[in-house]
Amino acid sequence: QVQRVESGGDLVQPGGSLTLACSASDYYAIGWFRQAPGKQREGVSCLDLTSGYTYYTDPVKGRFNSSRDHAKKTVYLQMHNLRPEDTAIYYCATDTWRDGSRCMMSGQWGQGTQVTVSA
């Protein structure tokens, strides 16, 4: 739908922190998704249409937080207490929503940024 550029991926040790950034011309209802090797894409965060707040899926709840800078048209994903199972390519997308315990999206993926959590 619109151009989205993810950045900030890196190699970090378990327990470490990392912040990803998504720069987009249209950042309405931006959420985050990830795909680990050999696994299907899964939601990380998305918009809860009922509350208007960001919803985080169970694997990352309490560890990840999103924020945005409207002036810079950039959305951030702050990741803390990273685990090896967090290793994946992370993507951002607009037009996301919560569906029960899952996150859904209607947009297209960007190039993504690689996050690797390893000792």
C-alpha atoms as a PDB file:
ATOM      1  CA  GLN A   1       0.000   0.000   0.000  1.00  0.00           C
ATOM      2  CA  VAL A   2       2.681   2.464   1.071  1.00  0.00           C
ATOM      3  CA  GLN A   3       6.422   2.339   1.380  1.00  0.00           C
ATOM      4  CA  ARG A   4       7.628   1.069   4.726  1.00  0.00           C
ATOM      5  CA  VAL A   5      11.269   0.906   5.728  1.00  0.00           C
ATOM      6  CA  GLU A   6      12.240  -1.151   8.756  1.00  0.00           C
ATOM      7  CA  SER A   7      15.588  -0.739  10.455  1.00  0.00           C
ATOM      8  CA  GLY A   8      17.373  -1.456  13.713  1.00  0.00           C
ATOM      9  CA  GLY A   9      17.772  -5.204  13.508  1.00  0.00           C
ATOM     10  CA  ASP A  10      20.943  -6.599  14.985  1.00  0.00           C
ATOM     11  CA  LEU A  11      22.599  -9.471  16.810  1.00  0.00           C
ATOM     12  CA  VAL A  12      21.946  -9.292  20.552  1.00  0.00           C
ATOM     13  CA  GLN A  13      22.518 -11.569  23.516  1.00  0.00           C
ATOM     14  CA  PRO A  14      19.642 -13.149  25.450  1.00  0.00           C
ATOM     15  CA  GLY A  15      18.273 -10.675  27.957  1.00  0.00           C
ATOM     16  CA  GLY A  16      19.356  -7.743  25.855  1.00  0.00           C
ATOM     17  CA  SER A  17      17.321  -4.930  24.368  1.00  0.00           C
ATOM     18  CA  LEU A  18      16.839  -3.590  20.883  1.00  0.00           C
ATOM     19  CA  THR A  19      14.704  -0.928  19.244  1.00  0.00           C
ATOM     20  CA  LEU A  20      13.344  -1.226  15.730  1.00  0.00           C
ATOM     21  CA  ALA A  21      12.094   1.645  13.619  1.00  0.00           C
ATOM     22  CA  CYS A  22       9.550   1.786  10.838  1.00  0.00           C
ATOM     23  CA  SER A  23       9.488   4.835   8.609  1.00  0.00           C
ATOM     24  CA  ALA A  24       6.343   5.197   6.519  1.00  0.00           C
ATOM     25  CA  SER A  25       4.382   7.893   4.755  1.00  0.00           C
ATOM     26  CA  ASP A  26       1.165   6.358   6.107  1.00  0.00           C
ATOM     27  CA  TYR A  27       1.423   4.952   9.608  1.00  0.00           C
ATOM     28  CA  TYR A  28      -2.233   4.485  10.462  1.00  0.00           C
ATOM     29  CA  ALA A  29      -2.773   1.433  12.657  1.00  0.00           C
ATOM     30  CA  ILE A  30       0.814   0.299  12.219  1.00  0.00           C
ATOM     31  CA  GLY A  31       1.644  -3.021  13.799  1.00  0.00           C
ATOM     32  CA  TRP A  32       4.551  -5.411  13.852  1.00  0.00           C
ATOM     33  CA  PHE A  33       4.876  -8.966  12.607  1.00  0.00           C
ATOM     34  CA  ARG A  34       7.720 -11.431  12.493  1.00  0.00           C
ATOM     35  CA  GLN A  35       8.701 -14.629  10.774  1.00  0.00           C
ATOM     36  CA  ALA A  36      11.223 -17.082  12.136  1.00  0.00           C
ATOM     37  CA  PRO A  37      12.971 -19.672   9.951  1.00  0.00           C
ATOM     38  CA  GLY A  38      10.643 -22.550   9.179  1.00  0.00           C
ATOM     39  CA  LYS A  39       7.661 -20.884  10.815  1.00  0.00           C
ATOM     40  CA  GLN A  40       4.648 -18.933   9.643  1.00  0.00           C
ATOM     41  CA  ARG A  41       4.400 -15.208  10.061  1.00  0.00           C
ATOM     42  CA  GLU A  42       2.994 -14.218  13.427  1.00  0.00           C
ATOM     43  CA  GLY A  43       1.732 -10.990  14.877  1.00  0.00           C
ATOM     44  CA  VAL A  44       3.681  -9.019  17.446  1.00  0.00           C
ATOM     45  CA  SER A  45       1.556  -5.926  17.930  1.00  0.00           C
ATOM     46  CA  CYS A  46      -1.546  -4.442  16.361  1.00  0.00           C
ATOM     47  CA  LEU A  47      -4.387  -2.028  16.957  1.00  0.00           C
ATOM     48  CA  ASP A  48      -7.199  -3.040  19.266  1.00  0.00           C
ATOM     49  CA  LEU A  49     -10.154  -1.454  17.512  1.00  0.00           C
ATOM     50  CA  THR A  50     -12.318  -1.553  20.617  1.00  0.00           C
ATOM     51  CA  SER A  51      -9.958   0.257  22.982  1.00  0.00           C
ATOM     52  CA  GLY A  52      -7.859   2.153  20.463  1.00  0.00           C
ATOM     53  CA  TYR A  53      -4.691   0.951  22.168  1.00  0.00           C
ATOM     54  CA  THR A  54      -1.932  -1.296  20.947  1.00  0.00           C
ATOM     55  CA  TYR A  55      -2.368  -4.999  21.574  1.00  0.00           C
ATOM     56  CA  TYR A  56       0.603  -7.292  22.108  1.00  0.00           C
ATOM     57  CA  THR A  57       0.472 -10.999  21.495  1.00  0.00           C
ATOM     58  CA  ASP A  58       1.299 -13.400  24.312  1.00  0.00           C
ATOM     59  CA  PRO A  59       4.881 -14.261  23.280  1.00  0.00           C
ATOM     60  CA  VAL A  60       5.964 -10.624  23.583  1.00  0.00           C
ATOM     61  CA  LYS A  61       3.485  -9.186  26.069  1.00  0.00           C
ATOM     62  CA  GLY A  62       5.238  -7.349  28.878  1.00  0.00           C
ATOM     63  CA  ARG A  63       8.538  -7.257  26.999  1.00  0.00           C
ATOM     64  CA  PHE A  64       7.803  -5.245  23.857  1.00  0.00           C
ATOM     65  CA  ASN A  65       6.405  -1.739  23.598  1.00  0.00           C
ATOM     66  CA  SER A  66       5.552   0.426  20.620  1.00  0.00           C
ATOM     67  CA  SER A  67       5.639   4.190  20.274  1.00  0.00           C
ATOM     68  CA  ARG A  68       5.534   6.742  17.498  1.00  0.00           C
ATOM     69  CA  ASP A  69       6.960  10.084  16.523  1.00  0.00           C
ATOM     70  CA  HIS A  70       4.406  11.862  14.379  1.00  0.00           C
ATOM     71  CA  ALA A  71       6.808  14.591  13.286  1.00  0.00           C
ATOM     72  CA  LYS A  72       9.291  12.029  11.991  1.00  0.00           C
ATOM     73  CA  LYS A  73       6.566   9.720  10.676  1.00  0.00           C
ATOM     74  CA  THR A  74       8.304   6.873  12.428  1.00  0.00           C
ATOM     75  CA  VAL A  75       7.038   4.045  14.606  1.00  0.00           C
ATOM     76  CA  TYR A  76       9.310   2.241  17.047  1.00  0.00           C
ATOM     77  CA  LEU A  77       9.250  -1.190  18.598  1.00  0.00           C
ATOM     78  CA  GLN A  78      11.178  -1.376  21.861  1.00  0.00           C
ATOM     79  CA  MET A  79      12.151  -4.923  22.695  1.00  0.00           C
ATOM     80  CA  HIS A  80      13.438  -5.964  26.119  1.00  0.00           C
ATOM     81  CA  ASN A  81      14.504  -9.225  27.730  1.00  0.00           C
ATOM     82  CA  LEU A  82      15.036 -10.755  24.345  1.00  0.00           C
ATOM     83  CA  ARG A  83      14.989 -14.526  23.989  1.00  0.00           C
ATOM     84  CA  PRO A  84      16.467 -16.811  21.337  1.00  0.00           C
ATOM     85  CA  GLU A  85      12.921 -17.576  20.179  1.00  0.00           C
ATOM     86  CA  ASP A  86      12.525 -13.902  19.301  1.00  0.00           C
ATOM     87  CA  THR A  87      14.940 -14.461  16.437  1.00  0.00           C
ATOM     88  CA  ALA A  88      13.094 -13.564  13.246  1.00  0.00           C
ATOM     89  CA  ILE A  89      12.702 -11.080  10.466  1.00  0.00           C
ATOM     90  CA  TYR A  90      10.531  -8.258  11.728  1.00  0.00           C
ATOM     91  CA  TYR A  91       8.118  -6.324   9.528  1.00  0.00           C
ATOM     92  CA  CYS A  92       5.818  -3.388  10.027  1.00  0.00           C
ATOM     93  CA  ALA A  93       2.507  -2.875   8.279  1.00  0.00           C
ATOM     94  CA  THR A  94      -0.428  -0.504   8.300  1.00  0.00           C
ATOM     95  CA  ASP A  95      -4.090  -1.423   8.727  1.00  0.00           C
ATOM     96  CA  THR A  96      -3.619  -3.929  11.507  1.00  0.00           C
ATOM     97  CA  TRP A  97      -6.183  -5.121  14.025  1.00  0.00           C
ATOM     98  CA  ARG A  98      -6.669  -7.482  16.914  1.00  0.00           C
ATOM     99  CA  ASP A  99      -8.646 -10.668  16.428  1.00  0.00           C
ATOM    100  CA  GLY A 100      -8.887 -12.414  19.761  1.00  0.00           C
ATOM    101  CA  SER A 101      -5.360 -13.369  20.767  1.00  0.00           C
ATOM    102  CA  ARG A 102      -3.984 -12.831  17.275  1.00  0.00           C
ATOM    103  CA  CYS A 103      -2.982  -9.869  15.166  1.00  0.00           C
ATOM    104  CA  MET A 104      -4.141  -9.426  11.590  1.00  0.00           C
ATOM    105  CA  MET A 105      -3.106  -7.148   8.762  1.00  0.00           C
ATOM    106  CA  SER A 106      -4.409  -6.130   5.366  1.00  0.00           C
ATOM    107  CA  GLY A 107      -1.303  -4.460   3.954  1.00  0.00           C
ATOM    108  CA  GLN A 108       1.834  -5.804   2.341  1.00  0.00           C
ATOM    109  CA  TRP A 109       5.165  -6.610   3.891  1.00  0.00           C
ATOM    110  CA  GLY A 110       8.209  -4.439   3.585  1.00  0.00           C
ATOM    111  CA  GLN A 111      11.765  -5.721   3.333  1.00  0.00           C
ATOM    112  CA  GLY A 112      11.967  -6.375   7.049  1.00  0.00           C
ATOM    113  CA  THR A 113      14.907  -6.276   9.409  1.00  0.00           C
ATOM    114  CA  GLN A 114      16.696  -9.245  10.932  1.00  0.00           C
ATOM    115  CA  VAL A 115      16.803  -9.698  14.685  1.00  0.00           C
ATOM    116  CA  THR A 116      19.041 -12.453  15.983  1.00  0.00           C
ATOM    117  CA  VAL A 117      19.164 -13.327  19.672  1.00  0.00           C
ATOM    118  CA  SER A 118      22.075 -15.588  20.488  1.00  0.00           C
ATOM    119  CA  ALA A 119      24.825 -15.990  23.024  1.00  0.00           C
END
